[in-house]
Amino acid sequence: MAVASDPSQSAGKRAGLALAVTVAVTAAVVLIFGDSAYLWIKSIHVVAIIAWMAGLLYLPRLFIYHCDAPVGSVQSETFKVMERRLLTIIMTPAMVIAWVLGLWLAYTGGHLWSGWFIAKFALVVVLSGVHGSFSAAVRAFDGDSNIKPARHWRMVNEIPTVLMIGIVILVVVKPF
């Protein structure tokens, strides 16, 4: 019988691969498109954010349903697979890409020290912390050691939405 590899190691490898591919693609886009590379990179950044946010909004919903599944049931095991794959195949690589390209865009666009960017940066750091707490929850559910009720996950489900609203307002309106 084959032993499954450690999911945290494969997630780290995927994140590292996402980072390497992002850097390579960014460099290629800059070389190929020159001055218009900024808009191409910005487009890829937005796509990565959409993928990341989709996962941040969906994963707590999976947790809510997982709370109702009996430990060891087929349903519980299915939720474990869904949660792990969503986190490691979509969310973590998308977060890495969003971070790398976002920092490149901020540096290239001269926004690093603007007030709106610093505020946005702080909210993205908090959003990344939410991602980290969801990662810990995936591990807890995977080990059948989740102690938080579905009600907790219903409330937590709103946090990414509130952060996203703040981030979008800061980026579009640039109030300071």
C-alpha atoms as a PDB file:
ATOM      1  CA  MET A   1       0.000   0.000   0.000  1.00  0.00           C
ATOM      2  CA  ALA A   2       1.388   3.400  -1.005  1.00  0.00           C
ATOM      3  CA  VAL A   3       1.855   6.032   1.680  1.00  0.00           C
ATOM      4  CA  ALA A   4       0.413   9.453   0.844  1.00  0.00           C
ATOM      5  CA  SER A   5       2.884  12.283   0.733  1.00  0.00           C
ATOM      6  CA  ASP A   6       2.701  15.055   3.310  1.00  0.00           C
ATOM      7  CA  PRO A   7       0.118  17.579   1.987  1.00  0.00           C
ATOM      8  CA  SER A   8       2.011  20.514   3.519  1.00  0.00           C
ATOM      9  CA  GLN A   9       5.128  19.599   1.563  1.00  0.00           C
ATOM     10  CA  SER A  10       3.240  19.342  -1.719  1.00  0.00           C
ATOM     11  CA  ALA A  11       1.481  22.659  -0.962  1.00  0.00           C
ATOM     12  CA  GLY A  12       4.866  24.264  -0.375  1.00  0.00           C
ATOM     13  CA  LYS A  13       6.158  22.811  -3.630  1.00  0.00           C
ATOM     14  CA  ARG A  14       3.093  24.104  -5.484  1.00  0.00           C
ATOM     15  CA  ALA A  15       3.497  27.562  -3.971  1.00  0.00           C
ATOM     16  CA  GLY A  16       7.196  27.553  -4.893  1.00  0.00           C
ATOM     17  CA  LEU A  17       6.370  26.423  -8.401  1.00  0.00           C
ATOM     18  CA  ALA A  18       3.687  29.129  -8.658  1.00  0.00           C
ATOM     19  CA  LEU A  19       6.251  31.713  -7.546  1.00  0.00           C
ATOM     20  CA  ALA A  20       8.869  30.509 -10.042  1.00  0.00           C
ATOM     21  CA  VAL A  21       6.376  30.397 -12.914  1.00  0.00           C
ATOM     22  CA  THR A  22       5.050  33.842 -11.961  1.00  0.00           C
ATOM     23  CA  VAL A  23       8.526  35.360 -11.945  1.00  0.00           C
ATOM     24  CA  ALA A  24       9.356  33.705 -15.285  1.00  0.00           C
ATOM     25  CA  VAL A  25       6.084  34.772 -16.918  1.00  0.00           C
ATOM     26  CA  THR A  26       6.413  38.306 -15.528  1.00  0.00           C
ATOM     27  CA  ALA A  27       9.940  38.584 -16.911  1.00  0.00           C
ATOM     28  CA  ALA A  28       8.809  37.221 -20.287  1.00  0.00           C
ATOM     29  CA  VAL A  29       5.854  39.623 -20.444  1.00  0.00           C
ATOM     30  CA  VAL A  30       8.089  42.579 -19.579  1.00  0.00           C
ATOM     31  CA  LEU A  31      10.590  41.565 -22.275  1.00  0.00           C
ATOM     32  CA  ILE A  32       7.941  40.861 -24.912  1.00  0.00           C
ATOM     33  CA  PHE A  33       5.542  43.739 -24.290  1.00  0.00           C
ATOM     34  CA  GLY A  34       7.916  46.397 -22.984  1.00  0.00           C
ATOM     35  CA  ASP A  35       5.968  49.500 -21.935  1.00  0.00           C
ATOM     36  CA  SER A  36       2.563  47.799 -22.245  1.00  0.00           C
ATOM     37  CA  ALA A  37       3.651  44.956 -19.909  1.00  0.00           C
ATOM     38  CA  TYR A  38       2.167  46.783 -16.918  1.00  0.00           C
ATOM     39  CA  LEU A  39      -1.401  46.240 -18.139  1.00  0.00           C
ATOM     40  CA  TRP A  40      -0.741  42.558 -18.941  1.00  0.00           C
ATOM     41  CA  ILE A  41       0.740  41.986 -15.492  1.00  0.00           C
ATOM     42  CA  LYS A  42      -2.184  43.860 -13.933  1.00  0.00           C
ATOM     43  CA  SER A  43      -4.609  41.563 -15.790  1.00  0.00           C
ATOM     44  CA  ILE A  44      -2.868  38.433 -14.512  1.00  0.00           C
ATOM     45  CA  HIS A  45      -2.857  39.956 -11.011  1.00  0.00           C
ATOM     46  CA  VAL A  46      -6.625  40.518 -11.154  1.00  0.00           C
ATOM     47  CA  VAL A  47      -7.226  36.943 -12.365  1.00  0.00           C
ATOM     48  CA  ALA A  48      -5.105  35.615  -9.480  1.00  0.00           C
ATOM     49  CA  ILE A  49      -7.070  37.740  -7.009  1.00  0.00           C
ATOM     50  CA  ILE A  50     -10.373  36.425  -8.394  1.00  0.00           C
ATOM     51  CA  ALA A  51      -9.184  32.824  -7.981  1.00  0.00           C
ATOM     52  CA  TRP A  52      -7.879  33.515  -4.466  1.00  0.00           C
ATOM     53  CA  MET A  53     -11.062  35.299  -3.389  1.00  0.00           C
ATOM     54  CA  ALA A  54     -13.263  32.550  -4.837  1.00  0.00           C
ATOM     55  CA  GLY A  55     -11.434  30.070  -2.631  1.00  0.00           C
ATOM     56  CA  LEU A  56     -11.580  32.328   0.436  1.00  0.00           C
ATOM     57  CA  LEU A  57     -15.329  32.673  -0.023  1.00  0.00           C
ATOM     58  CA  TYR A  58     -16.001  28.992  -0.770  1.00  0.00           C
ATOM     59  CA  LEU A  59     -13.742  27.198   1.723  1.00  0.00           C
ATOM     60  CA  PRO A  60     -15.660  28.300   4.847  1.00  0.00           C
ATOM     61  CA  ARG A  61     -18.873  27.082   3.173  1.00  0.00           C
ATOM     62  CA  LEU A  62     -17.238  23.673   2.834  1.00  0.00           C
ATOM     63  CA  PHE A  63     -16.308  23.854   6.531  1.00  0.00           C
ATOM     64  CA  ILE A  64     -19.950  24.587   7.434  1.00  0.00           C
ATOM     65  CA  TYR A  65     -21.135  21.481   5.596  1.00  0.00           C
ATOM     66  CA  HIS A  66     -18.182  19.429   6.864  1.00  0.00           C
ATOM     67  CA  CYS A  67     -19.198  20.187  10.466  1.00  0.00           C
ATOM     68  CA  ASP A  68     -22.462  18.312   9.849  1.00  0.00           C
ATOM     69  CA  ALA A  69     -20.759  15.226   8.381  1.00  0.00           C
ATOM     70  CA  PRO A  70     -20.043  12.383  10.813  1.00  0.00           C
ATOM     71  CA  VAL A  71     -16.313  11.761  11.396  1.00  0.00           C
ATOM     72  CA  GLY A  72     -15.069   8.941   9.179  1.00  0.00           C
ATOM     73  CA  SER A  73     -18.095   9.027   6.879  1.00  0.00           C
ATOM     74  CA  VAL A  74     -17.757   9.015   3.105  1.00  0.00           C
ATOM     75  CA  GLN A  75     -19.136  12.555   3.129  1.00  0.00           C
ATOM     76  CA  SER A  76     -16.494  13.729   5.620  1.00  0.00           C
ATOM     77  CA  GLU A  77     -13.699  12.129   3.613  1.00  0.00           C
ATOM     78  CA  THR A  78     -15.018  13.785   0.440  1.00  0.00           C
ATOM     79  CA  PHE A  79     -15.003  17.196   2.148  1.00  0.00           C
ATOM     80  CA  LYS A  80     -11.411  16.605   3.236  1.00  0.00           C
ATOM     81  CA  VAL A  81     -10.339  16.030  -0.379  1.00  0.00           C
ATOM     82  CA  MET A  82     -12.308  19.045  -1.625  1.00  0.00           C
ATOM     83  CA  GLU A  83     -10.895  21.359   1.060  1.00  0.00           C
ATOM     84  CA  ARG A  84      -7.310  20.198   0.593  1.00  0.00           C
ATOM     85  CA  ARG A  85      -7.420  20.515  -3.191  1.00  0.00           C
ATOM     86  CA  LEU A  86      -9.088  23.925  -3.117  1.00  0.00           C
ATOM     87  CA  LEU A  87      -6.422  25.190  -0.733  1.00  0.00           C
ATOM     88  CA  THR A  88      -3.337  23.651  -2.329  1.00  0.00           C
ATOM     89  CA  ILE A  89      -4.184  23.674  -6.023  1.00  0.00           C
ATOM     90  CA  ILE A  90      -6.082  26.960  -6.343  1.00  0.00           C
ATOM     91  CA  MET A  91      -5.899  29.224  -3.307  1.00  0.00           C
ATOM     92  CA  THR A  92      -2.243  29.103  -2.259  1.00  0.00           C
ATOM     93  CA  PRO A  93      -0.767  29.430  -5.769  1.00  0.00           C
ATOM     94  CA  ALA A  94      -3.252  32.239  -6.552  1.00  0.00           C
ATOM     95  CA  MET A  95      -2.282  34.041  -3.342  1.00  0.00           C
ATOM     96  CA  VAL A  96       1.418  33.775  -4.181  1.00  0.00           C
ATOM     97  CA  ILE A  97       0.827  35.074  -7.704  1.00  0.00           C
ATOM     98  CA  ALA A  98      -1.355  37.930  -6.400  1.00  0.00           C
ATOM     99  CA  TRP A  99       1.329  38.941  -3.905  1.00  0.00           C
ATOM    100  CA  VAL A 100       4.257  38.782  -6.322  1.00  0.00           C
ATOM    101  CA  LEU A 101       2.510  40.633  -9.123  1.00  0.00           C
ATOM    102  CA  GLY A 102       0.841  43.111  -6.763  1.00  0.00           C
ATOM    103  CA  LEU A 103       4.173  44.130  -5.279  1.00  0.00           C
ATOM    104  CA  TRP A 104       5.680  44.383  -8.769  1.00  0.00           C
ATOM    105  CA  LEU A 105       2.778  46.597  -9.873  1.00  0.00           C
ATOM    106  CA  ALA A 106       3.075  48.801  -6.792  1.00  0.00           C
ATOM    107  CA  TYR A 107       6.817  49.210  -7.280  1.00  0.00           C
ATOM    108  CA  THR A 108       6.605  49.782 -11.024  1.00  0.00           C
ATOM    109  CA  GLY A 109       3.642  52.171 -10.696  1.00  0.00           C
ATOM    110  CA  GLY A 110       5.336  54.183  -7.955  1.00  0.00           C
ATOM    111  CA  HIS A 111       2.622  53.454  -5.383  1.00  0.00           C
ATOM    112  CA  LEU A 112       4.694  51.827  -2.628  1.00  0.00           C
ATOM    113  CA  TRP A 113       4.553  54.802  -0.271  1.00  0.00           C
ATOM    114  CA  SER A 114       1.127  56.209  -1.116  1.00  0.00           C
ATOM    115  CA  GLY A 115      -1.407  56.262   1.706  1.00  0.00           C
ATOM    116  CA  TRP A 116      -4.042  54.212  -0.098  1.00  0.00           C
ATOM    117  CA  PHE A 117      -1.486  51.526  -0.977  1.00  0.00           C
ATOM    118  CA  ILE A 118      -0.210  51.244   2.594  1.00  0.00           C
ATOM    119  CA  ALA A 119      -3.804  50.833   3.819  1.00  0.00           C
ATOM    120  CA  LYS A 120      -4.501  48.292   1.066  1.00  0.00           C
ATOM    121  CA  PHE A 121      -1.292  46.460   1.930  1.00  0.00           C
ATOM    122  CA  ALA A 122      -2.404  46.206   5.575  1.00  0.00           C
ATOM    123  CA  LEU A 123      -5.773  44.741   4.532  1.00  0.00           C
ATOM    124  CA  VAL A 124      -4.060  42.236   2.208  1.00  0.00           C
ATOM    125  CA  VAL A 125      -1.796  41.175   5.082  1.00  0.00           C
ATOM    126  CA  VAL A 126      -4.921  40.546   7.187  1.00  0.00           C
ATOM    127  CA  LEU A 127      -6.497  38.664   4.250  1.00  0.00           C
ATOM    128  CA  SER A 128      -3.355  36.523   4.053  1.00  0.00           C
ATOM    129  CA  GLY A 129      -3.729  35.830   7.771  1.00  0.00           C
ATOM    130  CA  VAL A 130      -7.300  34.659   7.104  1.00  0.00           C
ATOM    131  CA  HIS A 131      -5.859  32.372   4.420  1.00  0.00           C
ATOM    132  CA  GLY A 132      -3.413  31.025   7.006  1.00  0.00           C
ATOM    133  CA  SER A 133      -6.186  30.386   9.519  1.00  0.00           C
ATOM    134  CA  PHE A 134      -8.175  28.559   6.836  1.00  0.00           C
ATOM    135  CA  SER A 135      -5.076  26.464   6.116  1.00  0.00           C
ATOM    136  CA  ALA A 136      -4.914  25.506   9.788  1.00  0.00           C
ATOM    137  CA  ALA A 137      -8.620  24.631   9.681  1.00  0.00           C
ATOM    138  CA  VAL A 138      -8.078  22.376   6.656  1.00  0.00           C
ATOM    139  CA  ARG A 139      -5.405  20.542   8.649  1.00  0.00           C
ATOM    140  CA  ALA A 140      -7.747  20.276  11.670  1.00  0.00           C
ATOM    141  CA  PHE A 141     -10.605  18.894   9.568  1.00  0.00           C
ATOM    142  CA  ASP A 142      -8.148  16.555   7.820  1.00  0.00           C
ATOM    143  CA  GLY A 143      -7.092  15.164  11.208  1.00  0.00           C
ATOM    144  CA  ASP A 144     -10.701  14.968  12.439  1.00  0.00           C
ATOM    145  CA  SER A 145      -9.808  17.456  15.160  1.00  0.00           C
ATOM    146  CA  ASN A 146     -11.975  20.445  14.246  1.00  0.00           C
ATOM    147  CA  ILE A 147     -13.651  21.807  17.385  1.00  0.00           C
ATOM    148  CA  LYS A 148     -15.343  24.856  15.864  1.00  0.00           C
ATOM    149  CA  PRO A 149     -19.091  24.647  15.165  1.00  0.00           C
ATOM    150  CA  ALA A 150     -20.767  25.469  11.853  1.00  0.00           C
ATOM    151  CA  ARG A 151     -21.976  28.768  13.392  1.00  0.00           C
ATOM    152  CA  HIS A 152     -18.338  29.884  13.782  1.00  0.00           C
ATOM    153  CA  TRP A 153     -17.652  29.209  10.100  1.00  0.00           C
ATOM    154  CA  ARG A 154     -20.824  31.090   9.087  1.00  0.00           C
ATOM    155  CA  MET A 155     -19.507  34.189  10.845  1.00  0.00           C
ATOM    156  CA  VAL A 156     -15.919  33.760   9.629  1.00  0.00           C
ATOM    157  CA  ASN A 157     -17.255  33.395   6.084  1.00  0.00           C
ATOM    158  CA  GLU A 158     -17.979  37.155   6.077  1.00  0.00           C
ATOM    159  CA  ILE A 159     -14.430  38.283   6.904  1.00  0.00           C
ATOM    160  CA  PRO A 160     -12.956  37.875   3.380  1.00  0.00           C
ATOM    161  CA  THR A 161     -15.934  39.773   1.928  1.00  0.00           C
ATOM    162  CA  VAL A 162     -15.467  42.739   4.275  1.00  0.00           C
ATOM    163  CA  LEU A 163     -11.724  42.836   3.570  1.00  0.00           C
ATOM    164  CA  MET A 164     -12.335  42.588  -0.186  1.00  0.00           C
ATOM    165  CA  ILE A 165     -14.735  45.551  -0.082  1.00  0.00           C
ATOM    166  CA  GLY A 166     -12.151  47.658   1.740  1.00  0.00           C
ATOM    167  CA  ILE A 167      -9.384  46.659  -0.658  1.00  0.00           C
ATOM    168  CA  VAL A 168     -11.452  47.383  -3.772  1.00  0.00           C
ATOM    169  CA  ILE A 169     -12.506  50.797  -2.448  1.00  0.00           C
ATOM    170  CA  LEU A 170      -8.882  51.682  -1.681  1.00  0.00           C
ATOM    171  CA  VAL A 171      -7.680  50.608  -5.132  1.00  0.00           C
ATOM    172  CA  VAL A 172     -10.461  52.255  -7.151  1.00  0.00           C
ATOM    173  CA  VAL A 173     -11.159  55.427  -5.136  1.00  0.00           C
ATOM    174  CA  LYS A 174      -7.625  55.982  -3.768  1.00  0.00           C
ATOM    175  CA  PRO A 175      -9.023  58.193  -0.978  1.00  0.00           C
ATOM    176  CA  PHE A 176      -5.616  59.260   0.347  1.00  0.00           C
END
